[in-house]
PDB file of N, CA and C in Angstrom:
ATOM      1  N   MET A   1     -41.596 -13.449  25.981  1.00  0.00           N
ATOM      2  CA  MET A   1     -41.382 -12.129  25.685  1.00  0.00           C
ATOM      3  C   MET A   1     -39.850 -12.026  25.370  1.00  0.00           C
ATOM      4  N   SER A   2     -39.459 -11.159  24.379  1.00  0.00           N
ATOM      5  CA  SER A   2     -38.076 -11.395  23.916  1.00  0.00           C
ATOM      6  C   SER A   2     -37.698 -10.084  23.638  1.00  0.00           C
ATOM      7  N   VAL A   3     -36.599  -9.749  24.700  1.00  0.00           N
ATOM      8  CA  VAL A   3     -35.908  -8.240  24.818  1.00  0.00           C
ATOM      9  C   VAL A   3     -34.537  -8.066  24.143  1.00  0.00           C
ATOM     10  N   GLN A   4     -34.358  -7.457  22.773  1.00  0.00           N
ATOM     11  CA  GLN A   4     -33.291  -7.389  22.326  1.00  0.00           C
ATOM     12  C   GLN A   4     -32.370  -6.088  22.530  1.00  0.00           C
ATOM     13  N   GLY A   5     -32.857  -4.953  21.660  1.00  0.00           N
ATOM     14  CA  GLY A   5     -32.358  -3.707  21.938  1.00  0.00           C
ATOM     15  C   GLY A   5     -31.101  -3.847  21.242  1.00  0.00           C
ATOM     16  N   THR A   6     -29.998  -2.922  21.476  1.00  0.00           N
ATOM     17  CA  THR A   6     -28.627  -2.880  21.025  1.00  0.00           C
ATOM     18  C   THR A   6     -27.660  -3.484  21.995  1.00  0.00           C
ATOM     19  N   ARG A   7     -26.807  -4.201  21.431  1.00  0.00           N
ATOM     20  CA  ARG A   7     -25.793  -4.792  21.998  1.00  0.00           C
ATOM     21  C   ARG A   7     -24.428  -4.478  21.292  1.00  0.00           C
ATOM     22  N   LEU A   8     -23.282  -4.452  22.188  1.00  0.00           N
ATOM     23  CA  LEU A   8     -22.084  -4.481  21.718  1.00  0.00           C
ATOM     24  C   LEU A   8     -21.722  -5.861  21.492  1.00  0.00           C
ATOM     25  N   LEU A   9     -21.342  -5.966  20.172  1.00  0.00           N
ATOM     26  CA  LEU A   9     -21.023  -7.286  19.632  1.00  0.00           C
ATOM     27  C   LEU A   9     -19.376  -7.567  19.621  1.00  0.00           C
ATOM     28  N   PHE A  10     -18.551  -6.380  19.379  1.00  0.00           N
ATOM     29  CA  PHE A  10     -17.098  -6.593  19.307  1.00  0.00           C
ATOM     30  C   PHE A  10     -16.710  -4.995  19.404  1.00  0.00           C
ATOM     31  N   ARG A  11     -15.500  -4.834  19.918  1.00  0.00           N
ATOM     32  CA  ARG A  11     -14.762  -3.689  19.695  1.00  0.00           C
ATOM     33  C   ARG A  11     -13.130  -3.945  20.157  1.00  0.00           C
ATOM     34  N   THR A  12     -12.347  -3.180  19.341  1.00  0.00           N
ATOM     35  CA  THR A  12     -11.080  -3.373  19.382  1.00  0.00           C
ATOM     36  C   THR A  12     -10.591  -2.959  21.042  1.00  0.00           C
ATOM     37  N   ASN A  13      -9.410  -3.533  21.355  1.00  0.00           N
ATOM     38  CA  ASN A  13      -9.132  -3.247  22.765  1.00  0.00           C
ATOM     39  C   ASN A  13      -8.971  -1.804  22.876  1.00  0.00           C
ATOM     40  N   PRO A  14      -9.027  -1.399  24.370  1.00  0.00           N
ATOM     41  CA  PRO A  14      -8.919   0.079  24.656  1.00  0.00           C
ATOM     42  C   PRO A  14      -7.434   0.417  24.037  1.00  0.00           C
ATOM     43  N   GLY A  15      -7.412   1.845  23.418  1.00  0.00           N
ATOM     44  CA  GLY A  15      -5.967   2.257  23.053  1.00  0.00           C
ATOM     45  C   GLY A  15      -5.786   1.890  21.334  1.00  0.00           C
ATOM     46  N   GLY A  16      -6.768   1.195  20.921  1.00  0.00           N
ATOM     47  CA  GLY A  16      -6.832   0.941  19.362  1.00  0.00           C
ATOM     48  C   GLY A  16      -5.979  -0.271  19.109  1.00  0.00           C
ATOM     49  N   ALA A  17      -6.072  -0.568  17.659  1.00  0.00           N
ATOM     50  CA  ALA A  17      -5.281  -1.644  17.131  1.00  0.00           C
ATOM     51  C   ALA A  17      -4.330  -1.012  16.241  1.00  0.00           C
ATOM     52  N   ALA A  18      -2.888  -1.342  16.430  1.00  0.00           N
ATOM     53  CA  ALA A  18      -1.872  -0.901  15.665  1.00  0.00           C
ATOM     54  C   ALA A  18      -1.954  -1.516  14.221  1.00  0.00           C
ATOM     55  N   VAL A  19      -1.675  -0.984  13.295  1.00  0.00           N
ATOM     56  CA  VAL A  19      -1.688  -1.464  12.001  1.00  0.00           C
ATOM     57  C   VAL A  19      -0.752  -0.918  11.384  1.00  0.00           C
ATOM     58  N   PRO A  20       0.694  -1.570  11.369  1.00  0.00           N
ATOM     59  CA  PRO A  20       2.067  -1.328  10.610  1.00  0.00           C
ATOM     60  C   PRO A  20       1.622  -1.031   9.254  1.00  0.00           C
ATOM     61  N   GLY A  21       2.469  -0.049   8.791  1.00  0.00           N
ATOM     62  CA  GLY A  21       2.500   0.172   7.314  1.00  0.00           C
ATOM     63  C   GLY A  21       2.826  -1.089   6.428  1.00  0.00           C
ATOM     64  N   GLY A  22       2.069  -1.184   5.356  1.00  0.00           N
ATOM     65  CA  GLY A  22       2.340  -2.178   4.356  1.00  0.00           C
ATOM     66  C   GLY A  22       1.590  -3.715   4.792  1.00  0.00           C
ATOM     67  N   THR A  23       0.707  -3.537   5.907  1.00  0.00           N
ATOM     68  CA  THR A  23       0.221  -4.935   6.393  1.00  0.00           C
ATOM     69  C   THR A  23      -1.233  -4.566   6.274  1.00  0.00           C
ATOM     70  N   THR A  24      -1.869  -5.800   6.498  1.00  0.00           N
ATOM     71  CA  THR A  24      -3.414  -6.011   6.726  1.00  0.00           C
ATOM     72  C   THR A  24      -3.663  -6.873   8.067  1.00  0.00           C
ATOM     73  N   VAL A  25      -4.375  -6.215   8.869  1.00  0.00           N
ATOM     74  CA  VAL A  25      -4.694  -6.964  10.119  1.00  0.00           C
ATOM     75  C   VAL A  25      -6.229  -7.330  10.384  1.00  0.00           C
ATOM     76  N   ASP A  26      -6.342  -8.484  10.798  1.00  0.00           N
ATOM     77  CA  ASP A  26      -7.760  -8.885  11.082  1.00  0.00           C
ATOM     78  C   ASP A  26      -8.117  -8.370  12.411  1.00  0.00           C
ATOM     79  N   LEU A  27      -9.050  -7.356  12.479  1.00  0.00           N
ATOM     80  CA  LEU A  27      -9.366  -7.097  13.511  1.00  0.00           C
ATOM     81  C   LEU A  27     -10.137  -7.918  14.320  1.00  0.00           C
ATOM     82  N   THR A  28     -10.807  -8.815  13.974  1.00  0.00           N
ATOM     83  CA  THR A  28     -11.983  -9.780  14.689  1.00  0.00           C
ATOM     84  C   THR A  28     -11.110 -11.068  14.747  1.00  0.00           C
ATOM     85  N   SER A  29      -9.938 -11.135  14.755  1.00  0.00           N
ATOM     86  CA  SER A  29      -9.209 -12.591  14.895  1.00  0.00           C
ATOM     87  C   SER A  29      -9.657 -13.193  15.976  1.00  0.00           C
ATOM     88  N   GLU A  30     -10.145 -12.471  17.098  1.00  0.00           N
ATOM     89  CA  GLU A  30     -10.401 -13.575  18.189  1.00  0.00           C
ATOM     90  C   GLU A  30     -11.659 -14.297  17.889  1.00  0.00           C
ATOM     91  N   PHE A  31     -12.533 -13.984  16.781  1.00  0.00           N
ATOM     92  CA  PHE A  31     -13.649 -14.586  16.091  1.00  0.00           C
ATOM     93  C   PHE A  31     -13.334 -15.316  15.027  1.00  0.00           C
ATOM     94  N   PRO A  32     -12.582 -16.503  14.923  1.00  0.00           N
ATOM     95  CA  PRO A  32     -12.017 -17.032  13.550  1.00  0.00           C
ATOM     96  C   PRO A  32     -12.923 -17.368  12.696  1.00  0.00           C
ATOM     97  N   ARG A  33     -14.340 -17.485  13.047  1.00  0.00           N
ATOM     98  CA  ARG A  33     -15.336 -17.703  12.089  1.00  0.00           C
ATOM     99  C   ARG A  33     -15.992 -16.390  11.834  1.00  0.00           C
ATOM    100  N   GLY A  34     -15.715 -15.419  12.357  1.00  0.00           N
ATOM    101  CA  GLY A  34     -16.353 -13.945  12.038  1.00  0.00           C
ATOM    102  C   GLY A  34     -17.320 -13.617  13.477  1.00  0.00           C
ATOM    103  N   VAL A  35     -17.762 -12.625  13.525  1.00  0.00           N
ATOM    104  CA  VAL A  35     -18.750 -12.079  14.911  1.00  0.00           C
ATOM    105  C   VAL A  35     -19.928 -12.593  14.374  1.00  0.00           C
ATOM    106  N   CYS A  36     -20.627 -13.009  15.238  1.00  0.00           N
ATOM    107  CA  CYS A  36     -22.064 -13.577  14.816  1.00  0.00           C
ATOM    108  C   CYS A  36     -23.046 -12.574  14.942  1.00  0.00           C
ATOM    109  N   ILE A  37     -23.509 -12.300  13.795  1.00  0.00           N
ATOM    110  CA  ILE A  37     -24.360 -11.186  13.479  1.00  0.00           C
ATOM    111  C   ILE A  37     -25.888 -11.591  13.335  1.00  0.00           C
ATOM    112  N   ALA A  38     -26.235 -13.020  13.075  1.00  0.00           N
ATOM    113  CA  ALA A  38     -27.181 -13.646  12.641  1.00  0.00           C
ATOM    114  C   ALA A  38     -28.640 -13.319  13.501  1.00  0.00           C
ATOM    115  N   SER A  39     -28.510 -12.870  14.808  1.00  0.00           N
ATOM    116  CA  SER A  39     -29.518 -12.480  15.652  1.00  0.00           C
ATOM    117  C   SER A  39     -30.076 -11.093  15.530  1.00  0.00           C
ATOM    118  N   TYR A  40     -29.357 -10.369  14.461  1.00  0.00           N
ATOM    119  CA  TYR A  40     -29.690  -8.755  14.514  1.00  0.00           C
ATOM    120  C   TYR A  40     -30.106  -8.603  13.091  1.00  0.00           C
ATOM    121  N   PRO A  41     -31.270  -7.949  12.816  1.00  0.00           N
ATOM    122  CA  PRO A  41     -31.782  -7.454  11.493  1.00  0.00           C
ATOM    123  C   PRO A  41     -30.954  -6.447  10.996  1.00  0.00           C
ATOM    124  N   ALA A  42     -30.203  -5.558  11.802  1.00  0.00           N
ATOM    125  CA  ALA A  42     -29.367  -4.412  11.807  1.00  0.00           C
ATOM    126  C   ALA A  42     -28.356  -4.525  12.325  1.00  0.00           C
ATOM    127  N   ILE A  43     -27.150  -3.891  12.022  1.00  0.00           N
ATOM    128  CA  ILE A  43     -26.013  -3.688  12.752  1.00  0.00           C
ATOM    129  C   ILE A  43     -25.423  -2.215  12.527  1.00  0.00           C
ATOM    130  N   ARG A  44     -24.619  -1.575  13.394  1.00  0.00           N
ATOM    131  CA  ARG A  44     -23.974  -0.470  13.278  1.00  0.00           C
ATOM    132  C   ARG A  44     -22.740  -0.571  13.773  1.00  0.00           C
ATOM    133  N   MET A  45     -21.666   0.226  12.907  1.00  0.00           N
ATOM    134  CA  MET A  45     -20.324   0.010  13.290  1.00  0.00           C
ATOM    135  C   MET A  45     -20.102   1.633  13.672  1.00  0.00           C
ATOM    136  N   ALA A  46     -18.907   1.914  14.212  1.00  0.00           N
ATOM    137  CA  ALA A  46     -18.367   3.081  14.462  1.00  0.00           C
ATOM    138  C   ALA A  46     -16.979   2.882  14.486  1.00  0.00           C
ATOM    139  N   SER A  47     -16.141   3.553  13.970  1.00  0.00           N
ATOM    140  CA  SER A  47     -14.687   3.525  13.492  1.00  0.00           C
ATOM    141  C   SER A  47     -14.076   4.870  13.518  1.00  0.00           C
ATOM    142  N   GLY A  48     -12.499   4.696  13.926  1.00  0.00           N
ATOM    143  CA  GLY A  48     -11.869   5.808  13.843  1.00  0.00           C
ATOM    144  C   GLY A  48     -10.316   5.542  13.698  1.00  0.00           C
ATOM    145  N   ASN A  49      -9.618   6.186  13.004  1.00  0.00           N
ATOM    146  CA  ASN A  49      -8.024   6.280  12.917  1.00  0.00           C
ATOM    147  C   ASN A  49      -7.530   7.413  13.779  1.00  0.00           C
ATOM    148  N   ARG A  50      -7.037   6.999  14.851  1.00  0.00           N
ATOM    149  CA  ARG A  50      -6.371   7.981  15.926  1.00  0.00           C
ATOM    150  C   ARG A  50      -5.720   9.136  15.367  1.00  0.00           C
ATOM    151  N   PHE A  51      -5.889  10.470  16.014  1.00  0.00           N
ATOM    152  CA  PHE A  51      -4.794  11.663  15.583  1.00  0.00           C
ATOM    153  C   PHE A  51      -3.457  11.088  15.389  1.00  0.00           C
ATOM    154  N   SER A  52      -3.035  10.341  16.307  1.00  0.00           N
ATOM    155  CA  SER A  52      -1.718  10.090  16.621  1.00  0.00           C
ATOM    156  C   SER A  52      -1.226   9.127  15.527  1.00  0.00           C
ATOM    157  N   ALA A  53      -2.137   8.435  14.626  1.00  0.00           N
ATOM    158  CA  ALA A  53      -1.796   7.634  13.583  1.00  0.00           C
ATOM    159  C   ALA A  53      -0.966   8.583  12.487  1.00  0.00           C
ATOM    160  N   GLU A  54      -0.120   7.631  11.878  1.00  0.00           N
ATOM    161  CA  GLU A  54       0.884   8.214  10.977  1.00  0.00           C
ATOM    162  C   GLU A  54       0.301   7.972   9.278  1.00  0.00           C
ATOM    163  N   LEU A  55      -0.546   7.142   9.161  1.00  0.00           N
ATOM    164  CA  LEU A  55      -0.674   6.470   8.143  1.00  0.00           C
ATOM    165  C   LEU A  55      -2.380   6.399   7.822  1.00  0.00           C
ATOM    166  N   PRO A  56      -2.930   6.624   6.826  1.00  0.00           N
ATOM    167  CA  PRO A  56      -4.329   6.405   6.537  1.00  0.00           C
ATOM    168  C   PRO A  56      -4.572   4.871   6.456  1.00  0.00           C
ATOM    169  N   VAL A  57      -5.806   4.255   6.939  1.00  0.00           N
ATOM    170  CA  VAL A  57      -6.080   3.090   7.029  1.00  0.00           C
ATOM    171  C   VAL A  57      -7.327   2.709   6.106  1.00  0.00           C
ATOM    172  N   THR A  58      -7.323   1.681   5.196  1.00  0.00           N
ATOM    173  CA  THR A  58      -8.532   1.122   4.608  1.00  0.00           C
ATOM    174  C   THR A  58      -9.243   0.108   5.569  1.00  0.00           C
ATOM    175  N   ILE A  59     -10.522  -0.019   5.886  1.00  0.00           N
ATOM    176  CA  ILE A  59     -11.409  -0.879   6.727  1.00  0.00           C
ATOM    177  C   ILE A  59     -12.260  -1.511   5.659  1.00  0.00           C
ATOM    178  N   ARG A  60     -12.214  -2.931   5.774  1.00  0.00           N
ATOM    179  CA  ARG A  60     -13.030  -3.732   4.816  1.00  0.00           C
ATOM    180  C   ARG A  60     -13.983  -4.784   5.710  1.00  0.00           C
ATOM    181  N   LEU A  61     -15.418  -4.734   5.563  1.00  0.00           N
ATOM    182  CA  LEU A  61     -16.123  -5.472   6.276  1.00  0.00           C
ATOM    183  C   LEU A  61     -16.765  -6.429   5.444  1.00  0.00           C
ATOM    184  N   VAL A  62     -16.290  -7.875   5.710  1.00  0.00           N
ATOM    185  CA  VAL A  62     -16.555  -8.914   4.886  1.00  0.00           C
ATOM    186  C   VAL A  62     -17.613 -10.143   5.688  1.00  0.00           C
ATOM    187  N   LEU A  63     -18.638 -10.114   4.788  1.00  0.00           N
ATOM    188  CA  LEU A  63     -19.409 -11.208   5.475  1.00  0.00           C
ATOM    189  C   LEU A  63     -19.034 -12.618   5.176  1.00  0.00           C
ATOM    190  N   VAL A  64     -19.194 -13.409   5.994  1.00  0.00           N
ATOM    191  CA  VAL A  64     -19.028 -14.825   6.074  1.00  0.00           C
ATOM    192  C   VAL A  64     -20.160 -15.711   6.024  1.00  0.00           C
ATOM    193  N   LEU A  65     -20.234 -16.697   5.072  1.00  0.00           N
ATOM    194  CA  LEU A  65     -21.267 -17.420   4.926  1.00  0.00           C
ATOM    195  C   LEU A  65     -20.707 -18.948   4.777  1.00  0.00           C
ATOM    196  N   ASN A  66     -21.324 -19.715   5.847  1.00  0.00           N
ATOM    197  CA  ASN A  66     -20.866 -21.247   5.970  1.00  0.00           C
ATOM    198  C   ASN A  66     -19.266 -21.284   5.943  1.00  0.00           C
ATOM    199  N   ASN A  67     -18.600 -20.317   6.727  1.00  0.00           N
ATOM    200  CA  ASN A  67     -17.178 -20.307   6.790  1.00  0.00           C
ATOM    201  C   ASN A  67     -16.249 -19.972   5.663  1.00  0.00           C
ATOM    202  N   GLU A  68     -16.940 -19.240   4.762  1.00  0.00           N
ATOM    203  CA  GLU A  68     -16.421 -18.620   3.662  1.00  0.00           C
ATOM    204  C   GLU A  68     -16.309 -17.164   3.621  1.00  0.00           C
ATOM    205  N   GLN A  69     -15.326 -16.453   3.241  1.00  0.00           N
ATOM    206  CA  GLN A  69     -15.612 -14.979   3.209  1.00  0.00           C
ATOM    207  C   GLN A  69     -16.243 -14.855   1.933  1.00  0.00           C
ATOM    208  N   PHE A  70     -17.408 -14.491   1.941  1.00  0.00           N
ATOM    209  CA  PHE A  70     -18.177 -14.409   0.766  1.00  0.00           C
ATOM    210  C   PHE A  70     -18.290 -13.080   0.260  1.00  0.00           C
ATOM    211  N   SER A  71     -18.431 -12.049   0.631  1.00  0.00           N
ATOM    212  CA  SER A  71     -18.953 -10.666   0.033  1.00  0.00           C
ATOM    213  C   SER A  71     -18.331  -9.539   0.796  1.00  0.00           C
ATOM    214  N   CYS A  72     -18.094  -8.328   0.211  1.00  0.00           N
ATOM    215  CA  CYS A  72     -17.744  -7.313   0.871  1.00  0.00           C
ATOM    216  C   CYS A  72     -18.828  -6.432   1.203  1.00  0.00           C
ATOM    217  N   LEU A  73     -19.127  -6.067   2.412  1.00  0.00           N
ATOM    218  CA  LEU A  73     -20.251  -5.381   2.873  1.00  0.00           C
ATOM    219  C   LEU A  73     -20.016  -3.891   2.647  1.00  0.00           C
ATOM    220  N   ASP A  74     -18.748  -3.425   2.906  1.00  0.00           N
ATOM    221  CA  ASP A  74     -18.374  -2.102   2.841  1.00  0.00           C
ATOM    222  C   ASP A  74     -16.791  -1.865   3.012  1.00  0.00           C
ATOM    223  N   THR A  75     -16.316  -1.021   2.215  1.00  0.00           N
ATOM    224  CA  THR A  75     -14.987  -0.717   2.411  1.00  0.00           C
ATOM    225  C   THR A  75     -14.876   0.902   2.554  1.00  0.00           C
ATOM    226  N   PHE A  76     -14.072   1.305   3.228  1.00  0.00           N
ATOM    227  CA  PHE A  76     -13.996   3.060   3.474  1.00  0.00           C
ATOM    228  C   PHE A  76     -12.352   3.040   4.050  1.00  0.00           C
ATOM    229  N   THR A  77     -11.955   4.283   3.741  1.00  0.00           N
ATOM    230  CA  THR A  77     -10.636   4.688   4.157  1.00  0.00           C
ATOM    231  C   THR A  77     -10.593   5.875   5.237  1.00  0.00           C
ATOM    232  N   LEU A  78      -9.855   5.736   6.414  1.00  0.00           N
ATOM    233  CA  LEU A  78      -9.684   6.882   7.290  1.00  0.00           C
ATOM    234  C   LEU A  78      -8.474   7.360   7.321  1.00  0.00           C
ATOM    235  N   LEU A  79      -8.553   8.848   7.313  1.00  0.00           N
ATOM    236  CA  LEU A  79      -7.091   9.449   7.426  1.00  0.00           C
ATOM    237  C   LEU A  79      -6.825   9.668   8.731  1.00  0.00           C
ATOM    238  N   PRO A  80      -5.646   9.765   9.040  1.00  0.00           N
ATOM    239  CA  PRO A  80      -5.337  10.103  10.566  1.00  0.00           C
ATOM    240  C   PRO A  80      -6.305  11.195  11.276  1.00  0.00           C
ATOM    241  N   GLY A  81      -6.836  10.877  12.297  1.00  0.00           N
ATOM    242  CA  GLY A  81      -8.018  11.569  12.975  1.00  0.00           C
ATOM    243  C   GLY A  81      -9.461  11.394  12.495  1.00  0.00           C
ATOM    244  N   GLY A  82      -9.462  10.636  11.217  1.00  0.00           N
ATOM    245  CA  GLY A  82     -10.829  10.441  10.640  1.00  0.00           C
ATOM    246  C   GLY A  82     -11.860   9.299  11.496  1.00  0.00           C
ATOM    247  N   GLN A  83     -13.040   9.703  11.156  1.00  0.00           N
ATOM    248  CA  GLN A  83     -13.913   8.773  11.976  1.00  0.00           C
ATOM    249  C   GLN A  83     -14.937   8.379  10.895  1.00  0.00           C
ATOM    250  N   TYR A  84     -15.656   7.265  10.980  1.00  0.00           N
ATOM    251  CA  TYR A  84     -16.713   6.991  10.059  1.00  0.00           C
ATOM    252  C   TYR A  84     -17.622   5.836  10.901  1.00  0.00           C
ATOM    253  N   SER A  85     -19.079   6.144  10.796  1.00  0.00           N
ATOM    254  CA  SER A  85     -19.933   5.311  11.168  1.00  0.00           C
ATOM    255  C   SER A  85     -21.044   4.806  10.127  1.00  0.00           C
ATOM    256  N   ALA A  86     -21.714   3.845  10.192  1.00  0.00           N
ATOM    257  CA  ALA A  86     -22.670   3.509   9.245  1.00  0.00           C
ATOM    258  C   ALA A  86     -23.501   2.350   9.861  1.00  0.00           C
ATOM    259  N   ALA A  87     -24.734   2.166   9.413  1.00  0.00           N
ATOM    260  CA  ALA A  87     -25.706   1.104   9.754  1.00  0.00           C
ATOM    261  C   ALA A  87     -25.971   0.383   8.576  1.00  0.00           C
ATOM    262  N   TYR A  88     -26.337  -1.146   8.696  1.00  0.00           N
ATOM    263  CA  TYR A  88     -26.541  -1.866   7.662  1.00  0.00           C
ATOM    264  C   TYR A  88     -27.526  -3.048   8.007  1.00  0.00           C
ATOM    265  N   ASN A  89     -28.559  -3.222   6.903  1.00  0.00           N
ATOM    266  CA  ASN A  89     -29.305  -4.278   7.141  1.00  0.00           C
ATOM    267  C   ASN A  89     -28.600  -5.487   7.026  1.00  0.00           C
ATOM    268  N   VAL A  90     -28.727  -6.393   8.000  1.00  0.00           N
ATOM    269  CA  VAL A  90     -27.860  -7.760   7.758  1.00  0.00           C
ATOM    270  C   VAL A  90     -28.205  -8.564   6.778  1.00  0.00           C
ATOM    271  N   PRO A  91     -27.263  -8.729   5.617  1.00  0.00           N
ATOM    272  CA  PRO A  91     -27.625  -9.845   4.689  1.00  0.00           C
ATOM    273  C   PRO A  91     -26.906 -11.063   4.990  1.00  0.00           C
ATOM    274  N   GLY A  92     -26.204 -11.215   6.186  1.00  0.00           N
ATOM    275  CA  GLY A  92     -25.271 -12.506   6.576  1.00  0.00           C
ATOM    276  C   GLY A  92     -25.592 -12.817   7.782  1.00  0.00           C
ATOM    277  N   THR A  93     -24.733 -13.928   8.092  1.00  0.00           N
ATOM    278  CA  THR A  93     -24.772 -14.493   9.714  1.00  0.00           C
ATOM    279  C   THR A  93     -23.487 -14.202  10.312  1.00  0.00           C
ATOM    280  N   ARG A  94     -22.458 -14.151   9.669  1.00  0.00           N
ATOM    281  CA  ARG A  94     -21.092 -13.624  10.347  1.00  0.00           C
ATOM    282  C   ARG A  94     -20.350 -12.357   9.675  1.00  0.00           C
ATOM    283  N   LEU A  95     -19.577 -11.794  10.397  1.00  0.00           N
ATOM    284  CA  LEU A  95     -18.857 -10.645   9.804  1.00  0.00           C
ATOM    285  C   LEU A  95     -17.420 -10.509  10.140  1.00  0.00           C
ATOM    286  N   LYS A  96     -16.376 -10.695   9.291  1.00  0.00           N
ATOM    287  CA  LYS A  96     -14.990 -10.374   9.699  1.00  0.00           C
ATOM    288  C   LYS A  96     -14.754  -8.835   9.560  1.00  0.00           C
ATOM    289  N   VAL A  97     -13.779  -8.151  10.120  1.00  0.00           N
ATOM    290  CA  VAL A  97     -13.494  -6.843   9.651  1.00  0.00           C
ATOM    291  C   VAL A  97     -11.691  -6.622   9.662  1.00  0.00           C
ATOM    292  N   PHE A  98     -11.216  -6.237   8.555  1.00  0.00           N
ATOM    293  CA  PHE A  98      -9.964  -6.092   8.422  1.00  0.00           C
ATOM    294  C   PHE A  98      -9.408  -4.694   8.109  1.00  0.00           C
ATOM    295  N   ALA A  99      -8.297  -4.341   8.596  1.00  0.00           N
ATOM    296  CA  ALA A  99      -7.835  -3.221   8.289  1.00  0.00           C
ATOM    297  C   ALA A  99      -6.456  -3.140   7.820  1.00  0.00           C
ATOM    298  N   GLU A 100      -6.154  -2.354   6.695  1.00  0.00           N
ATOM    299  CA  GLU A 100      -4.784  -2.446   5.807  1.00  0.00           C
ATOM    300  C   GLU A 100      -4.461  -0.974   5.667  1.00  0.00           C
ATOM    301  N   THR A 101      -3.180  -0.967   5.743  1.00  0.00           N
ATOM    302  CA  THR A 101      -2.430   0.208   5.421  1.00  0.00           C
ATOM    303  C   THR A 101      -1.587   0.018   4.243  1.00  0.00           C
ATOM    304  N   ALA A 102      -1.188   1.105   3.407  1.00  0.00           N
ATOM    305  CA  ALA A 102      -0.505   1.180   2.240  1.00  0.00           C
ATOM    306  C   ALA A 102       1.198   0.958   2.949  1.00  0.00           C
ATOM    307  N   SER A 103       2.012   0.723   1.870  1.00  0.00           N
ATOM    308  CA  SER A 103       3.245   0.628   2.575  1.00  0.00           C
ATOM    309  C   SER A 103       3.830   2.001   2.968  1.00  0.00           C
ATOM    310  N   GLY A 104       4.622   1.926   3.994  1.00  0.00           N
ATOM    311  CA  GLY A 104       5.208   3.079   4.396  1.00  0.00           C
ATOM    312  C   GLY A 104       5.591   3.193   5.889  1.00  0.00           C
ATOM    313  N   SER A 105       6.357   3.888   6.360  1.00  0.00           N
ATOM    314  CA  SER A 105       6.883   3.826   7.815  1.00  0.00           C
ATOM    315  C   SER A 105       5.769   4.582   8.640  1.00  0.00           C
ATOM    316  N   GLY A 106       5.614   3.747   9.865  1.00  0.00           N
ATOM    317  CA  GLY A 106       4.493   4.332  10.838  1.00  0.00           C
ATOM    318  C   GLY A 106       3.453   3.315  10.926  1.00  0.00           C
ATOM    319  N   ASN A 107       2.391   3.906  11.570  1.00  0.00           N
ATOM    320  CA  ASN A 107       1.322   2.921  11.926  1.00  0.00           C
ATOM    321  C   ASN A 107      -0.014   3.904  11.892  1.00  0.00           C
ATOM    322  N   ALA A 108      -0.952   2.917  11.578  1.00  0.00           N
ATOM    323  CA  ALA A 108      -2.394   3.393  11.808  1.00  0.00           C
ATOM    324  C   ALA A 108      -2.780   3.148  13.179  1.00  0.00           C
ATOM    325  N   PHE A 109      -3.728   3.761  13.778  1.00  0.00           N
ATOM    326  CA  PHE A 109      -4.243   3.080  15.189  1.00  0.00           C
ATOM    327  C   PHE A 109      -5.686   3.081  15.185  1.00  0.00           C
ATOM    328  N   VAL A 110      -6.319   1.968  15.101  1.00  0.00           N
ATOM    329  CA  VAL A 110      -7.797   1.851  14.830  1.00  0.00           C
ATOM    330  C   VAL A 110      -8.632   1.537  15.819  1.00  0.00           C
ATOM    331  N   ASP A 111      -9.577   2.338  16.108  1.00  0.00           N
ATOM    332  CA  ASP A 111     -10.694   2.006  16.908  1.00  0.00           C
ATOM    333  C   ASP A 111     -11.910   1.282  16.178  1.00  0.00           C
ATOM    334  N   PHE A 112     -12.535   0.573  16.520  1.00  0.00           N
ATOM    335  CA  PHE A 112     -13.792  -0.031  15.843  1.00  0.00           C
ATOM    336  C   PHE A 112     -14.703  -0.732  16.805  1.00  0.00           C
ATOM    337  N   ALA A 113     -15.946  -0.660  16.661  1.00  0.00           N
ATOM    338  CA  ALA A 113     -17.127  -1.043  17.610  1.00  0.00           C
ATOM    339  C   ALA A 113     -18.151  -1.571  16.379  1.00  0.00           C
ATOM    340  N   LEU A 114     -18.663  -2.713  17.002  1.00  0.00           N
ATOM    341  CA  LEU A 114     -19.881  -3.105  16.220  1.00  0.00           C
ATOM    342  C   LEU A 114     -20.894  -3.698  17.024  1.00  0.00           C
ATOM    343  N   PHE A 115     -22.334  -3.060  16.699  1.00  0.00           N
ATOM    344  CA  PHE A 115     -23.146  -3.110  17.551  1.00  0.00           C
ATOM    345  C   PHE A 115     -24.248  -4.005  16.835  1.00  0.00           C
ATOM    346  N   GLY A 116     -25.069  -4.823  17.474  1.00  0.00           N
ATOM    347  CA  GLY A 116     -26.213  -5.480  16.589  1.00  0.00           C
ATOM    348  C   GLY A 116     -27.479  -4.870  17.368  1.00  0.00           C
ATOM    349  N   PHE A 117     -28.629  -4.798  16.482  1.00  0.00           N
ATOM    350  CA  PHE A 117     -29.810  -3.931  16.889  1.00  0.00           C
ATOM    351  C   PHE A 117     -30.862  -4.978  16.657  1.00  0.00           C
ATOM    352  N   ALA A 118     -31.776  -5.439  17.520  1.00  0.00           N
ATOM    353  CA  ALA A 118     -33.254  -6.129  17.097  1.00  0.00           C
ATOM    354  C   ALA A 118     -34.238  -5.458  17.973  1.00  0.00           C
ATOM    355  N   PRO A 119     -35.267  -5.086  17.307  1.00  0.00           N
ATOM    356  CA  PRO A 119     -36.324  -4.317  18.156  1.00  0.00           C
ATOM    357  C   PRO A 119     -36.971  -5.129  19.337  1.00  0.00           C
ATOM    358  N   TYR A 120     -37.373  -4.419  20.168  1.00  0.00           N
ATOM    359  CA  TYR A 120     -38.168  -4.992  21.442  1.00  0.00           C
ATOM    360  C   TYR A 120     -39.200  -5.379  20.914  1.00  0.00           C
ATOM    361  N   ASN A 121     -39.435  -6.771  21.569  1.00  0.00           N
ATOM    362  CA  ASN A 121     -40.776  -7.712  21.191  1.00  0.00           C
ATOM    363  C   ASN A 121     -41.387  -7.853  22.424  1.00  0.00           C
ATOM    364  N   ALA A 122     -42.665  -7.541  22.709  1.00  0.00           N
ATOM    365  CA  ALA A 122     -43.387  -7.745  24.129  1.00  0.00           C
ATOM    366  C   ALA A 122     -44.183  -8.965  23.986  1.00  0.00           C
TER     367      ALA A 122
END
């Protein structure tokens, strides 16, 4: 019997990740090879740029195959106070998440969570 269901695979620290103007931050840097998503046929992510943010932020979800950043799964931009969530069928084994701001003064403050889902098998 295998029980999977939904599992939290990754989330930013409480308080969000600060992304200074004109920089790119690897939100998943604690997973140098990427967050393992191979055991899940579907993933869901939820993201937000806090109301206290002074800049918009662009989020890139990058598939990693054989330790190589292979393809962009999705890219979206969050204005201050903006939120976005989506589900994906998993076409890869690992995932990296990057947050990028345009040049300017101030910060974006990103909250990001990644969930894996596999059906219950009895």
